[in-house]
Structures are given as C-alpha cells and as structure tokens.
Amino acid sequence: MGIAVRLSGVSKTFGSFAANSNISLSIEEGTIHALVGENGAGKSTLTKIIYGMHQPTSGEVVIQGKAVRFASPRDAIEAGIGMVHQHFMLVPELSVAENIILGHEHTWLFGSLPLKYAKALILKNSEAYGLAVNPDALVASLSIGEQQRVEILKLLFRKASIMIFDEPTAVLTPSETERLFATLRSLRDKGKTVILITHKLDEVLAVADTVSVMRKGEIVGTVPASSVTKPELARMMVGRSVLLRVINPPASPGETILNINRLRFCTPQSEERLRGLTLHIRAGEIYGIAGVEGNGQNELLQTLWGLAPEGSVISGEATLKGQSIIGKKPAKIALMGVSHTPENRLRHAVILEYTIAENLLFGRHREAAFHKGIGFNSRTIQRFTAEMISDFDIRCTSPERQPLRALSGGNQQKVVLARELNRPGISLLILAQPARGVDIGAIETIHKKIIDARNNGMAILLVSSELEEIIALSTRIGCLYKGSIRHEFSQEEVALKREAEHEFEKEIGLHIT
C-alpha cells in the first residue's frame, strides 16, 4: 500500500491565530487513521484542508501521490475524498433522499439520477449499516441522531476512497457503533482509507490502526494504536494526567421536584411519540434517560422546556413542585426554576456572531445583579465572565470582543453549561447531550460540575446517547423505548452495577432496543 494523504509543513492561520502549525503527516492507504486532541487542537481545521474547505497558508498537500490545492470541496470530492462533518451540512427543507443526492443529480449515464433508484440505494445502505432513516422524510423533522445518519449515508452513497469522519458515532447506540466499525474495517480491508476524528479514546483503540495526537495546532506524536493505552493517549492530548472516570459519591435525594405522570405527546402529524410516560426526579439526584434517539427524548424535552411545535397535542401531567409546566413558554418555565442545556446548542442556546461575554449573559440579562440604574453593570458582567471562563476552563483570548464562532465546539458547549449551571434559584436542571462532541479533558470538567450541582441539591434530568455517561453520572436510570419507560434501575441497582460498566451497558441495551 502507498500513501493516501501526505502533508508537508502545512500551516493555517486566521489573522494572528495559528490553527495548524508546520504539520507533517503521512496517512497510509488501506488504514484507519485516528486524529485525537482537545477541542481547539486543530483537528477539524486540518481535515477541512484535506477536504478543500480551507486552503493552507503554507505547506503542501499530496493526495495519492499528486500534489493538490483544492479550491473547494467539489475538487476534493472529484479526487475521491468524502467528509462527514461534526456540524451537519444538510438542507432542512429537503427530504433525506434529496439531501443525499444533492450536487450529484446529473451523474447518471442517461441524465439525472433517478430518485427511485437513489431511494432504493439509500434503503439498502440504511439496512446494511444499521442507519435507519426514512428517505422521504424532511430533514427538518428529524432528530439530531437521524440527521447524523443522513450525513453518514451521504458519504456511503458517494463511495469516496478517502473517508473523513468527524465524530461519526456521537449519536449512535453501542450496537450501531459496532456495526459502523465493522463497516469501516471492511472498507479498510478493501483498500479504502479512513480518517477518524473522535474524542472517544475507547473507540480509537478499538478500531484505529494508527493514532496521531494534536495539541495546540501541532502533531505531538503518531503511534500504532496497538502500542498505546487510554491513559497514555489522554496524557498526550491534554499534557497532564486526566481523571478518566468522574468521582460520584452516593446521592442523598430529597423532595420530589419534577413529577411526570402518564404524559402523552402527539405531533401535529398525529404521531404518538410519548405513550403514558411516568417518572419523578428528586432534589439531589440525577435521573438518566437511556435510549436510542427517536424514542421520545426530543418530545419530552420540548414539553419540559415549552418548545412543542404548534399543533402538538399533550396530555397527562408534568409538574414542578406541584405547578404544571405544560403549555408554558420557556421564559415562564425558567422563572419557575428550570435551567436547560439543549442538544442542539447552535439552534437553541447560542448566537455564534455574538461575543463570548454576550453568550454567557443570554437569558440572564434581566437579572438584577447585572444591572446598574437603567443600564448594565459592566464591571459585574466582566467579573462574572472572567469567573465563568476560569471555572469552566473556556479556552479563549478576548471574551468581550471574540465571537463565539471562533471557539471550538467543546468550548462553545462549556459556555452554555457555565451560563445554565450557575443560574440563581434553579431547582431543576435539564441536560441534553451535555458532553456531545467534547474532548476528554473538557468532559472531566463538565462531569465534575454536574456532580457538584447534584451535591448542592439540584434535581437533574440527564438525556444522553452515551451509555457510559449515563452510567457514570446517574443516580437512577430510566430506559426509554417507544415513548415510555420500559424499565427503571433504582439507586441501589445503579450503585451495585456501576463498577461492571460494560456489562451494565449490555443490560441497559436489552431494554432500549
């Protein structure tokens, strides 16, 4: 096998900021090559250079022996390179099938690619790779997990010979992840090249042949995956020893804060997504919802945060300290003592063009502490901003001037969590995918903050596609399947089973699939 991708002295700067610095790297054909590093280490920038989304400031890119300088992703696609991005490149108003063939409508020998043929191929790939999705569904109607599946199907549809995956398993179940890995290994064995960006070091060790570690825009080491351990990789990434498992002392739950009884949710299209859902959450505990995405998680979150689409029919009870929250607007629910970190921060939690300081203040700008007279108290806001940046280790340079867009995804997530975990008067914290797309060092910080909030008496609802995260943090676990809790693990059961983590994951899997 030869070299599929060779980078020589590649650098990329944005103004005075160096995202990549003098990177030299060779990726062999027919291998799975993982790129790991903290958020902001430069991984995505590097792969976007390979994919033609960025042009290097200096250095040379060689693809399968030919020096290239792609003007756009179209050039890279024609050179046999495909990429699944961390943030989806989909058109919400189009169907799944239309998104997948978008830009390739005229590749058929006798004219436009027949949509019927495309749908059949999509269904075939969906079944083969465990990526269930309806080809006729509008992307706007899909959950985050389903949208990720569309992106992966797009890559498979284009049959790229060099495949870049940016966090491809972030929304997959363990069984789907294993099926995907089997596919990646099969592709590798047939001579395809896979470049894998992931924060999940267990996945790196399970599937990669070679691992390159990035830190602060540079390659700090490239090693065979078989010769390195998880703690060693974490230390290379962060530059220090990392606590790989959160310290979770026994909880001491108090009064019931959230009570959900026989909750039903029908979409405007009359699809029943919640079917008599019943659960309760007490002060000082974390209730984890485990389940394959698309089983009612999104509708539960919409109900609890007042974002149900117009025309939805909701019945049953959802009360906060005895007061119903069904049908109320998000601002009213927040005043009742609820804080929420949504699964899609870009749509519901931040404005990328606004500064880091402004994003830290969103939704809290009415609090008296931030006001002085008829205006804002700039000194208090600056002090609060500095405290949040330090407390949550938000990597930035100038929070009052730097737009949030300039931060990595993990640091954007830390901005949201810093804002929501520190709201005054909160009794219920709703966390949806709090560590999605976040590196191992940031996860350590985020999980510690969540446990601290629980220890301070907060009731927490945790919705996560990561069973490892559910097991590590939860006091009790509810297994959600087709809109209702199929099985609930008590506090005692969770405590007993937590040590046998992988066996516990398998047991939970029996109740959610």
Protein backbone atom coordinates (compact mmCIF):
# COMPACT_ATOMS: atom_id res chain seq x y z
CA MET A 1 0.00 0.00 0.00
CA GLY A 2 1.12 3.54 -0.73
CA ILE A 3 0.44 6.85 0.97
CA ALA A 4 -3.13 8.15 0.56
CA VAL A 5 -2.54 11.56 2.15
CA ARG A 6 0.79 13.29 2.76
CA LEU A 7 1.06 16.68 4.46
CA SER A 8 4.38 18.52 4.46
CA GLY A 9 4.87 21.65 6.57
CA VAL A 10 1.18 22.56 6.47
CA SER A 11 0.17 25.66 8.41
CA LYS A 12 -3.14 27.53 8.55
CA THR A 13 -3.60 30.92 10.16
CA PHE A 14 -6.71 33.03 10.70
CA GLY A 15 -5.43 36.54 11.25
CA SER A 16 -2.87 36.23 14.04
CA PHE A 17 -4.23 32.87 15.23
CA ALA A 18 -2.39 29.72 14.09
CA ALA A 19 -4.89 26.85 13.88
CA ASN A 20 -2.28 24.49 12.36
CA SER A 21 1.49 24.92 12.67
CA ASN A 22 4.02 23.18 10.40
CA ILE A 23 2.22 19.84 10.27
CA SER A 24 3.86 16.92 8.51
CA LEU A 25 1.87 13.71 8.42
CA SER A 26 1.52 10.59 6.26
CA ILE A 27 -1.67 8.52 6.16
CA GLU A 28 -1.31 5.12 4.56
CA GLU A 29 -3.81 3.69 2.10
CA GLY A 30 -5.99 0.93 3.45
CA THR A 31 -5.75 2.04 7.08
CA ILE A 32 -7.95 3.65 9.70
CA HIS A 33 -6.01 6.68 10.93
CA ALA A 34 -7.39 8.46 14.01
CA LEU A 35 -6.79 12.13 14.82
CA VAL A 36 -7.29 12.94 18.50
CA GLY A 37 -6.79 16.03 20.59
CA GLU A 38 -8.57 18.52 22.79
CA ASN A 39 -11.24 20.84 21.41
CA GLY A 40 -9.44 23.58 19.54
CA ALA A 41 -6.33 21.46 18.92
CA GLY A 42 -6.71 21.94 15.16
CA LYS A 43 -8.12 18.56 14.07
CA SER A 44 -11.13 19.88 12.19
CA THR A 45 -9.10 22.62 10.51
CA LEU A 46 -6.59 20.05 9.28
CA THR A 47 -9.23 17.75 7.83
CA LYS A 48 -11.02 20.71 6.24
CA ILE A 49 -7.76 21.48 4.43
CA ILE A 50 -7.69 17.90 3.12
CA TYR A 51 -11.34 18.26 2.08
CA GLY A 52 -10.84 21.62 0.32
CA MET A 53 -12.89 23.74 2.71
CA HIS A 54 -9.74 25.65 3.72
CA GLN A 55 -6.60 26.32 1.73
CA PRO A 56 -3.33 26.03 3.67
CA THR A 57 -1.45 29.24 4.41
CA SER A 58 1.75 27.33 3.66
CA GLY A 59 2.90 23.78 3.04
CA GLU A 60 1.96 21.03 0.59
CA VAL A 61 -0.90 18.54 0.41
CA VAL A 62 -0.36 15.37 -1.63
CA ILE A 63 -3.28 13.03 -2.38
CA GLN A 64 -2.35 9.56 -3.65
CA GLY A 65 0.97 10.80 -4.97
CA LYS A 66 -0.31 14.00 -6.60
CA ALA A 67 0.24 17.48 -5.15
CA VAL A 68 -3.10 19.26 -4.92
CA ARG A 69 -4.52 22.62 -3.92
CA PHE A 70 -8.27 22.21 -3.79
CA ALA A 71 -10.29 25.37 -4.45
CA SER A 72 -13.43 23.84 -2.93
CA PRO A 73 -14.86 20.58 -1.55
CA ARG A 74 -16.11 19.83 -5.07
CA ASP A 75 -12.47 19.39 -6.13
CA ALA A 76 -11.85 17.08 -3.18
CA ILE A 77 -14.97 15.03 -3.92
CA GLU A 78 -13.84 14.58 -7.52
CA ALA A 79 -10.47 13.40 -6.15
CA GLY A 80 -12.28 10.68 -4.18
CA ILE A 81 -12.47 12.36 -0.77
CA GLY A 82 -15.65 12.47 1.31
CA MET A 83 -16.32 14.01 4.73
CA VAL A 84 -18.96 13.74 7.43
CA HIS A 85 -18.83 16.97 9.42
CA GLN A 86 -19.41 17.43 13.13
CA HIS A 87 -21.99 20.13 12.34
CA PHE A 88 -24.30 18.86 9.66
CA MET A 89 -24.27 20.11 6.06
CA LEU A 90 -27.95 19.48 5.32
CA VAL A 91 -30.84 21.49 3.84
CA PRO A 92 -33.75 21.22 6.33
CA GLU A 93 -36.45 21.88 3.72
CA LEU A 94 -35.36 18.95 1.52
CA SER A 95 -36.00 15.25 2.04
CA VAL A 96 -33.40 12.75 3.15
CA ALA A 97 -33.01 11.37 -0.38
CA GLU A 98 -32.77 14.86 -1.91
CA ASN A 99 -30.06 15.83 0.57
CA ILE A 100 -28.05 12.72 -0.13
CA ILE A 101 -28.04 13.19 -3.93
CA LEU A 102 -27.73 16.99 -3.76
CA GLY A 103 -24.92 18.07 -6.05
CA HIS A 104 -24.82 14.66 -7.77
CA GLU A 105 -28.13 14.76 -9.61
CA HIS A 106 -26.51 14.58 -13.06
CA THR A 107 -24.07 11.74 -12.56
CA TRP A 108 -26.38 9.14 -14.16
CA LEU A 109 -25.35 7.92 -17.60
CA PHE A 110 -28.59 8.93 -19.32
CA GLY A 111 -29.36 12.18 -17.47
CA SER A 112 -30.49 12.98 -13.96
CA LEU A 113 -30.05 10.31 -11.33
CA PRO A 114 -33.48 8.64 -10.86
CA LEU A 115 -34.81 9.43 -7.40
CA LYS A 116 -36.40 5.98 -7.19
CA TYR A 117 -33.00 4.37 -7.73
CA ALA A 118 -31.42 6.69 -5.17
CA LYS A 119 -34.05 5.83 -2.55
CA ALA A 120 -33.53 2.12 -3.12
CA LEU A 121 -29.78 2.53 -2.65
CA ILE A 122 -30.33 4.61 0.49
CA LEU A 123 -32.59 1.95 1.98
CA LYS A 124 -30.03 -0.72 1.11
CA ASN A 125 -27.25 1.21 2.86
CA SER A 126 -29.55 2.01 5.78
CA GLU A 127 -30.17 -1.68 6.36
CA ALA A 128 -26.57 -2.72 5.74
CA TYR A 129 -25.06 -0.22 8.17
CA GLY A 130 -27.81 -0.02 10.81
CA LEU A 131 -28.60 3.63 9.97
CA ALA A 132 -32.39 3.55 9.88
CA VAL A 133 -33.93 6.62 8.26
CA ASN A 134 -36.92 7.31 6.00
CA PRO A 135 -35.69 8.54 2.56
CA ASP A 136 -38.90 10.58 2.11
CA ALA A 137 -38.74 12.35 5.50
CA LEU A 138 -37.93 16.06 5.60
CA VAL A 139 -34.59 16.68 7.30
CA ALA A 140 -36.25 19.44 9.37
CA SER A 141 -38.41 16.78 11.04
CA LEU A 142 -35.50 14.56 12.05
CA SER A 143 -33.79 14.29 15.40
CA ILE A 144 -30.10 15.08 15.77
CA GLY A 145 -29.30 11.37 15.66
CA GLU A 146 -31.28 10.83 12.48
CA GLN A 147 -29.60 13.83 10.81
CA GLN A 148 -26.19 12.34 11.65
CA ARG A 149 -27.28 9.11 9.97
CA VAL A 150 -28.16 11.07 6.82
CA GLU A 151 -24.64 12.53 6.74
CA ILE A 152 -23.08 9.08 7.03
CA LEU A 153 -25.39 7.73 4.33
CA LYS A 154 -24.34 10.62 2.07
CA LEU A 155 -20.72 9.54 2.42
CA LEU A 156 -21.56 5.93 1.66
CA PHE A 157 -23.67 6.99 -1.34
CA ARG A 158 -20.73 8.89 -2.89
CA LYS A 159 -18.35 5.92 -2.45
CA ALA A 160 -15.34 8.03 -1.56
CA SER A 161 -11.99 6.23 -1.45
CA ILE A 162 -10.66 8.54 1.31
CA MET A 163 -13.29 8.96 4.01
CA ILE A 164 -13.09 11.59 6.75
CA PHE A 165 -15.38 11.05 9.75
CA ASP A 166 -15.67 13.91 12.26
CA GLU A 167 -17.22 12.44 15.44
CA PRO A 168 -19.34 9.90 13.48
CA THR A 169 -20.55 7.91 16.50
CA ALA A 170 -21.63 10.84 18.67
CA VAL A 171 -25.31 9.93 18.22
CA LEU A 172 -25.12 6.17 17.64
CA THR A 173 -26.03 3.42 20.07
CA PRO A 174 -23.32 0.93 21.09
CA SER A 175 -24.72 -1.69 18.71
CA GLU A 176 -24.88 0.83 15.83
CA THR A 177 -21.32 1.89 16.63
CA GLU A 178 -20.13 -1.70 16.47
CA ARG A 179 -21.86 -2.16 13.11
CA LEU A 180 -20.27 1.04 11.82
CA PHE A 181 -16.86 -0.11 12.99
CA ALA A 182 -17.36 -3.43 11.22
CA THR A 183 -18.11 -1.45 8.07
CA LEU A 184 -15.00 0.73 8.49
CA ARG A 185 -12.85 -2.35 8.94
CA SER A 186 -14.37 -3.90 5.83
CA LEU A 187 -13.70 -0.73 3.83
CA ARG A 188 -10.13 -0.67 5.11
CA ASP A 189 -9.61 -4.30 4.14
CA LYS A 190 -10.70 -3.44 0.60
CA GLY A 191 -8.09 -0.69 0.34
CA LYS A 192 -10.16 2.31 1.40
CA THR A 193 -8.62 4.93 3.71
CA VAL A 194 -10.50 6.19 6.76
CA ILE A 195 -9.55 9.31 8.72
CA LEU A 196 -11.37 9.31 12.03
CA ILE A 197 -11.75 12.29 14.36
CA THR A 198 -13.17 11.30 17.71
CA HIS A 199 -12.95 12.26 21.37
CA LYS A 200 -13.76 8.69 22.44
CA LEU A 201 -10.44 7.07 23.17
CA ASP A 202 -12.02 3.64 23.64
CA GLU A 203 -13.18 3.86 20.02
CA VAL A 204 -9.72 4.85 18.86
CA LEU A 205 -8.18 1.82 20.50
CA ALA A 206 -10.96 -0.45 19.23
CA VAL A 207 -10.92 0.47 15.54
CA ALA A 208 -7.87 2.55 14.55
CA ASP A 209 -4.61 1.23 13.13
CA THR A 210 -2.67 4.43 13.73
CA VAL A 211 -3.25 7.43 16.03
CA SER A 212 -1.95 10.97 15.62
CA VAL A 213 -2.30 13.25 18.63
CA MET A 214 -2.70 17.01 18.15
CA ARG A 215 -2.17 19.72 20.72
CA LYS A 216 -2.32 23.49 20.13
CA GLY A 217 -2.26 23.10 16.36
CA GLU A 218 0.69 20.72 16.19
CA ILE A 219 1.20 16.97 15.87
CA VAL A 220 2.79 15.85 19.14
CA GLY A 221 3.02 12.17 18.23
CA THR A 222 1.93 9.41 15.86
CA VAL A 223 1.81 5.86 17.21
CA PRO A 224 0.32 2.46 16.35
CA ALA A 225 -2.99 2.07 18.21
CA SER A 226 -1.88 -1.34 19.42
CA SER A 227 1.08 0.12 21.30
CA VAL A 228 -0.64 2.81 23.38
CA THR A 229 -3.07 2.85 26.31
CA LYS A 230 -6.03 5.11 27.01
CA PRO A 231 -4.32 6.97 29.90
CA GLU A 232 -1.24 7.50 27.71
CA LEU A 233 -3.35 8.96 24.88
CA ALA A 234 -5.19 11.22 27.32
CA ARG A 235 -1.90 12.47 28.72
CA MET A 236 -0.56 13.19 25.23
CA MET A 237 -3.74 15.10 24.36
CA VAL A 238 -4.01 17.24 27.47
CA GLY A 239 -0.41 17.45 28.62
CA ARG A 240 -1.25 16.12 32.07
CA SER A 241 -2.82 13.06 33.72
CA VAL A 242 -6.60 13.03 33.26
CA LEU A 243 -9.25 11.59 35.58
CA LEU A 244 -10.97 9.18 33.17
CA ARG A 245 -13.89 8.47 35.46
CA VAL A 246 -15.82 11.04 37.47
CA ILE A 247 -15.86 10.68 41.26
CA ASN A 248 -19.54 10.09 42.04
CA PRO A 249 -20.24 9.77 45.77
CA PRO A 250 -23.60 8.34 46.91
CA ALA A 251 -26.52 10.73 46.44
CA SER A 252 -28.91 11.79 49.21
CA PRO A 253 -32.16 12.62 47.36
CA GLY A 254 -34.72 14.93 48.97
CA GLU A 255 -38.19 16.09 47.99
CA THR A 256 -39.71 15.39 44.58
CA ILE A 257 -39.06 18.32 42.24
CA LEU A 258 -40.35 17.07 38.88
CA ASN A 259 -43.30 14.72 38.63
CA ILE A 260 -44.35 13.31 35.25
CA ASN A 261 -47.45 11.13 35.19
CA ARG A 262 -48.94 9.38 32.14
CA LEU A 263 -47.57 12.01 29.79
CA ARG A 264 -48.65 11.69 26.17
CA PHE A 265 -47.42 13.65 23.17
CA CYS A 266 -48.85 13.60 19.64
CA THR A 267 -47.11 15.53 16.87
CA PRO A 268 -49.02 17.86 14.54
CA GLN A 269 -48.93 14.90 12.10
CA SER A 270 -50.78 12.79 14.73
CA GLU A 271 -47.76 10.60 15.51
CA GLU A 272 -47.80 9.46 19.15
CA ARG A 273 -44.26 9.95 20.46
CA LEU A 274 -44.83 9.74 24.23
CA ARG A 275 -47.13 6.99 25.46
CA GLY A 276 -48.03 7.35 29.12
CA LEU A 277 -44.54 8.35 30.26
CA THR A 278 -44.21 8.32 34.05
CA LEU A 279 -41.20 9.27 36.18
CA HIS A 280 -40.19 11.57 39.02
CA ILE A 281 -36.96 13.33 39.94
CA ARG A 282 -35.96 14.38 43.45
CA ALA A 283 -33.70 17.12 44.71
CA GLY A 284 -30.09 15.98 44.89
CA GLU A 285 -30.29 13.21 42.29
CA ILE A 286 -29.56 12.70 38.60
CA TYR A 287 -32.18 10.80 36.62
CA GLY A 288 -30.62 9.43 33.44
CA ILE A 289 -32.71 8.70 30.36
CA ALA A 290 -31.13 5.89 28.31
CA GLY A 291 -32.49 5.08 24.89
CA VAL A 292 -31.94 5.04 21.17
CA GLU A 293 -32.63 8.50 19.78
CA GLY A 294 -36.07 8.89 18.25
CA ASN A 295 -37.92 7.10 21.07
CA GLY A 296 -39.45 10.26 22.54
CA GLN A 297 -36.47 12.08 24.04
CA ASN A 298 -36.94 15.12 21.83
CA GLU A 299 -40.66 15.37 22.61
CA LEU A 300 -40.01 15.06 26.34
CA LEU A 301 -37.50 17.91 26.17
CA GLN A 302 -39.88 20.02 24.05
CA THR A 303 -42.63 19.54 26.64
CA LEU A 304 -40.45 20.39 29.63
CA TRP A 305 -38.97 23.50 28.01
CA GLY A 306 -42.06 24.83 26.24
CA LEU A 307 -40.88 24.26 22.67
CA ALA A 308 -43.53 21.83 21.43
CA PRO A 309 -44.47 22.63 17.79
CA GLU A 310 -47.78 24.37 17.24
CA GLY A 311 -50.48 21.76 16.73
CA SER A 312 -48.93 19.21 19.11
CA VAL A 313 -51.35 17.53 21.49
CA ILE A 314 -50.03 16.99 25.03
CA SER A 315 -51.93 15.31 27.85
CA GLY A 316 -51.11 13.94 31.27
CA GLU A 317 -49.11 15.69 34.00
CA ALA A 318 -45.71 17.36 34.20
CA THR A 319 -45.39 19.40 37.36
CA LEU A 320 -42.54 21.29 39.01
CA LYS A 321 -43.04 21.40 42.77
CA GLY A 322 -46.75 20.88 42.16
CA GLN A 323 -47.12 23.51 39.41
CA SER A 324 -47.87 22.40 35.86
CA ILE A 325 -45.36 23.39 33.22
CA ILE A 326 -47.27 22.00 30.23
CA GLY A 327 -48.09 24.70 27.70
CA LYS A 328 -45.92 27.38 29.29
CA LYS A 329 -43.30 29.38 27.37
CA PRO A 330 -39.56 28.89 28.03
CA ALA A 331 -39.22 32.28 29.79
CA LYS A 332 -42.01 31.37 32.22
CA ILE A 333 -40.57 27.91 32.84
CA ALA A 334 -37.15 29.47 33.55
CA LEU A 335 -38.76 31.79 36.13
CA MET A 336 -40.26 28.73 37.81
CA GLY A 337 -36.72 27.46 38.49
CA VAL A 338 -35.76 25.38 35.45
CA SER A 339 -32.49 25.61 33.54
CA HIS A 340 -31.89 23.83 30.24
CA THR A 341 -28.95 22.93 28.00
CA PRO A 342 -30.39 21.78 24.65
CA GLU A 343 -28.92 19.04 22.48
CA ASN A 344 -28.58 21.48 19.57
CA ARG A 345 -26.75 24.43 21.08
CA LEU A 346 -26.34 26.17 17.72
CA ARG A 347 -30.10 26.36 17.20
CA HIS A 348 -31.40 26.90 20.72
CA ALA A 349 -28.63 28.13 23.04
CA VAL A 350 -26.14 30.49 21.39
CA ILE A 351 -25.65 33.11 18.69
CA LEU A 352 -22.32 32.46 17.03
CA GLU A 353 -21.82 36.03 15.78
CA TYR A 354 -22.18 37.48 19.31
CA THR A 355 -19.26 37.64 21.73
CA ILE A 356 -18.43 35.05 24.35
CA ALA A 357 -19.42 37.51 27.11
CA GLU A 358 -22.77 38.19 25.44
CA ASN A 359 -23.49 34.48 25.10
CA LEU A 360 -22.69 33.95 28.77
CA LEU A 361 -25.35 36.55 29.58
CA PHE A 362 -28.15 35.35 27.28
CA GLY A 363 -31.33 34.58 29.17
CA ARG A 364 -29.85 36.11 32.32
CA HIS A 365 -29.70 39.69 31.11
CA ARG A 366 -32.77 40.60 33.19
CA GLU A 367 -31.19 39.54 36.47
CA ALA A 368 -30.82 42.49 38.85
CA ALA A 369 -27.20 41.57 39.64
CA PHE A 370 -26.16 42.56 36.10
CA HIS A 371 -27.87 45.97 36.16
CA LYS A 372 -26.93 49.38 37.45
CA GLY A 373 -29.53 52.09 37.19
CA ILE A 374 -31.19 51.87 33.78
CA GLY A 375 -28.27 50.07 32.13
CA PHE A 376 -25.96 47.12 32.59
CA ASN A 377 -23.26 46.95 35.25
CA SER A 378 -20.23 46.38 33.02
CA ARG A 379 -17.91 45.70 35.95
CA THR A 380 -20.18 42.96 37.32
CA ILE A 381 -20.55 41.42 33.86
CA GLN A 382 -16.78 41.42 33.33
CA ARG A 383 -16.23 39.83 36.73
CA PHE A 384 -18.89 37.18 36.03
CA THR A 385 -17.42 36.46 32.59
CA ALA A 386 -13.90 36.08 33.97
CA GLU A 387 -15.15 33.79 36.72
CA MET A 388 -17.03 31.50 34.30
CA ILE A 389 -14.08 31.33 31.90
CA SER A 390 -11.75 30.35 34.73
CA ASP A 391 -14.17 27.98 36.45
CA PHE A 392 -15.07 26.06 33.29
CA ASP A 393 -11.67 26.34 31.57
CA ILE A 394 -13.12 28.06 28.49
CA ARG A 395 -10.25 28.48 26.01
CA CYS A 396 -10.49 31.98 24.52
CA THR A 397 -8.45 35.16 24.15
CA SER A 398 -10.76 38.18 24.43
CA PRO A 399 -14.29 37.34 25.66
CA GLU A 400 -15.60 40.90 25.21
CA ARG A 401 -14.51 41.03 21.55
CA GLN A 402 -14.11 37.43 20.37
CA PRO A 403 -17.23 35.97 18.68
CA LEU A 404 -18.39 32.61 19.92
CA ARG A 405 -17.90 31.26 16.38
CA ALA A 406 -14.12 31.49 16.96
CA LEU A 407 -14.28 28.81 19.68
CA SER A 408 -14.20 25.06 19.19
CA GLY A 409 -17.41 23.09 19.67
CA GLY A 410 -16.34 21.88 23.11
CA ASN A 411 -15.59 25.38 24.32
CA GLN A 412 -18.93 26.60 22.97
CA GLN A 413 -20.59 23.85 25.00
CA LYS A 414 -18.72 24.94 28.12
CA VAL A 415 -20.08 28.48 27.62
CA VAL A 416 -23.64 27.12 27.62
CA LEU A 417 -23.06 24.94 30.68
CA ALA A 418 -21.35 27.75 32.59
CA ARG A 419 -24.34 30.01 31.98
CA GLU A 420 -27.01 27.43 32.83
CA LEU A 421 -25.42 25.66 35.82
CA ASN A 422 -24.91 28.96 37.61
CA ARG A 423 -28.39 30.44 37.28
CA PRO A 424 -29.71 31.53 40.71
CA GLY A 425 -32.83 29.88 42.13
CA ILE A 426 -32.68 26.77 39.95
CA SER A 427 -34.31 23.60 41.29
CA LEU A 428 -34.37 21.54 38.06
CA LEU A 429 -31.56 21.27 35.53
CA ILE A 430 -32.33 19.62 32.19
CA LEU A 431 -29.19 18.39 30.39
CA ALA A 432 -29.48 17.11 26.82
CA GLN A 433 -26.27 15.56 25.49
CA PRO A 434 -24.07 17.77 27.74
CA ALA A 435 -20.77 16.29 26.56
CA ARG A 436 -21.57 15.64 22.89
CA GLY A 437 -18.54 16.38 20.73
CA VAL A 438 -16.46 17.38 23.77
CA ASP A 439 -12.89 16.19 24.36
CA ILE A 440 -11.77 14.09 27.29
CA GLY A 441 -10.27 16.97 29.26
CA ALA A 442 -13.43 19.08 28.89
CA ILE A 443 -15.63 16.09 29.79
CA GLU A 444 -13.72 15.78 33.06
CA THR A 445 -14.61 19.41 33.88
CA ILE A 446 -18.24 19.14 32.74
CA HIS A 447 -18.97 15.93 34.64
CA LYS A 448 -17.45 17.32 37.83
CA LYS A 449 -19.66 20.41 37.54
CA ILE A 450 -22.75 18.25 37.07
CA ILE A 451 -21.94 16.18 40.16
CA ASP A 452 -21.28 19.39 42.12
CA ALA A 453 -24.73 20.71 41.11
CA ARG A 454 -26.34 17.48 42.27
CA ASN A 455 -24.45 17.59 45.57
CA ASN A 456 -25.78 21.12 46.07
CA GLY A 457 -29.33 19.79 45.98
CA MET A 458 -30.30 20.30 42.35
CA ALA A 459 -32.64 17.83 40.62
CA ILE A 460 -31.12 16.88 37.26
CA LEU A 461 -32.65 15.21 34.21
CA LEU A 462 -29.87 13.80 32.02
CA VAL A 463 -30.67 12.78 28.45
CA SER A 464 -27.66 11.26 26.70
CA SER A 465 -26.97 8.83 23.89
CA GLU A 466 -23.74 7.87 25.68
CA LEU A 467 -24.41 4.92 27.99
CA GLU A 468 -21.00 5.41 29.58
CA GLU A 469 -22.04 8.93 30.57
CA ILE A 470 -25.46 7.79 31.82
CA ILE A 471 -23.88 5.08 33.98
CA ALA A 472 -21.11 7.33 35.33
CA LEU A 473 -23.41 10.18 36.43
CA SER A 474 -26.91 8.85 37.13
CA THR A 475 -28.49 8.15 40.48
CA ARG A 476 -31.37 6.30 38.79
CA ILE A 477 -31.74 5.26 35.14
CA GLY A 478 -34.92 5.02 33.08
CA CYS A 479 -34.81 3.03 29.81
CA LEU A 480 -36.93 4.86 27.23
CA TYR A 481 -38.45 2.79 24.44
CA LYS A 482 -41.23 3.87 22.07
CA GLY A 483 -42.27 6.76 24.27
CA SER A 484 -42.43 5.14 27.70
CA ILE A 485 -40.09 3.90 30.43
CA ARG A 486 -39.68 0.20 29.75
CA HIS A 487 -37.50 -0.42 32.81
CA GLU A 488 -36.09 1.68 35.64
CA PHE A 489 -32.90 0.90 37.56
CA SER A 490 -33.12 2.02 41.19
CA GLN A 491 -30.43 3.94 43.03
CA GLU A 492 -29.29 0.73 44.71
CA GLU A 493 -29.15 -1.19 41.41
CA VAL A 494 -27.15 1.56 39.69
CA ALA A 495 -24.67 1.69 42.56
CA LEU A 496 -24.19 -2.09 42.51
CA LYS A 497 -23.84 -2.37 38.72
CA ARG A 498 -21.74 0.75 38.05
CA GLU A 499 -18.40 -0.99 38.55
CA ALA A 500 -19.21 -3.58 35.88
CA GLU A 501 -19.68 -0.78 33.36
CA HIS A 502 -19.60 -2.72 30.10
CA GLU A 503 -21.85 -5.48 31.42
CA PHE A 504 -24.26 -2.79 32.67
CA GLU A 505 -24.26 -1.20 29.19
CA LYS A 506 -25.32 -4.54 27.71
CA GLU A 507 -28.10 -4.90 30.29
CA ILE A 508 -29.40 -1.41 29.55
CA GLY A 509 -29.19 -2.19 25.84
CA LEU A 510 -31.69 -5.03 26.27
CA HIS A 511 -34.29 -2.50 27.46
CA ILE A 512 -33.78 0.22 24.84
CA THR A 513 -33.72 -1.81 21.61
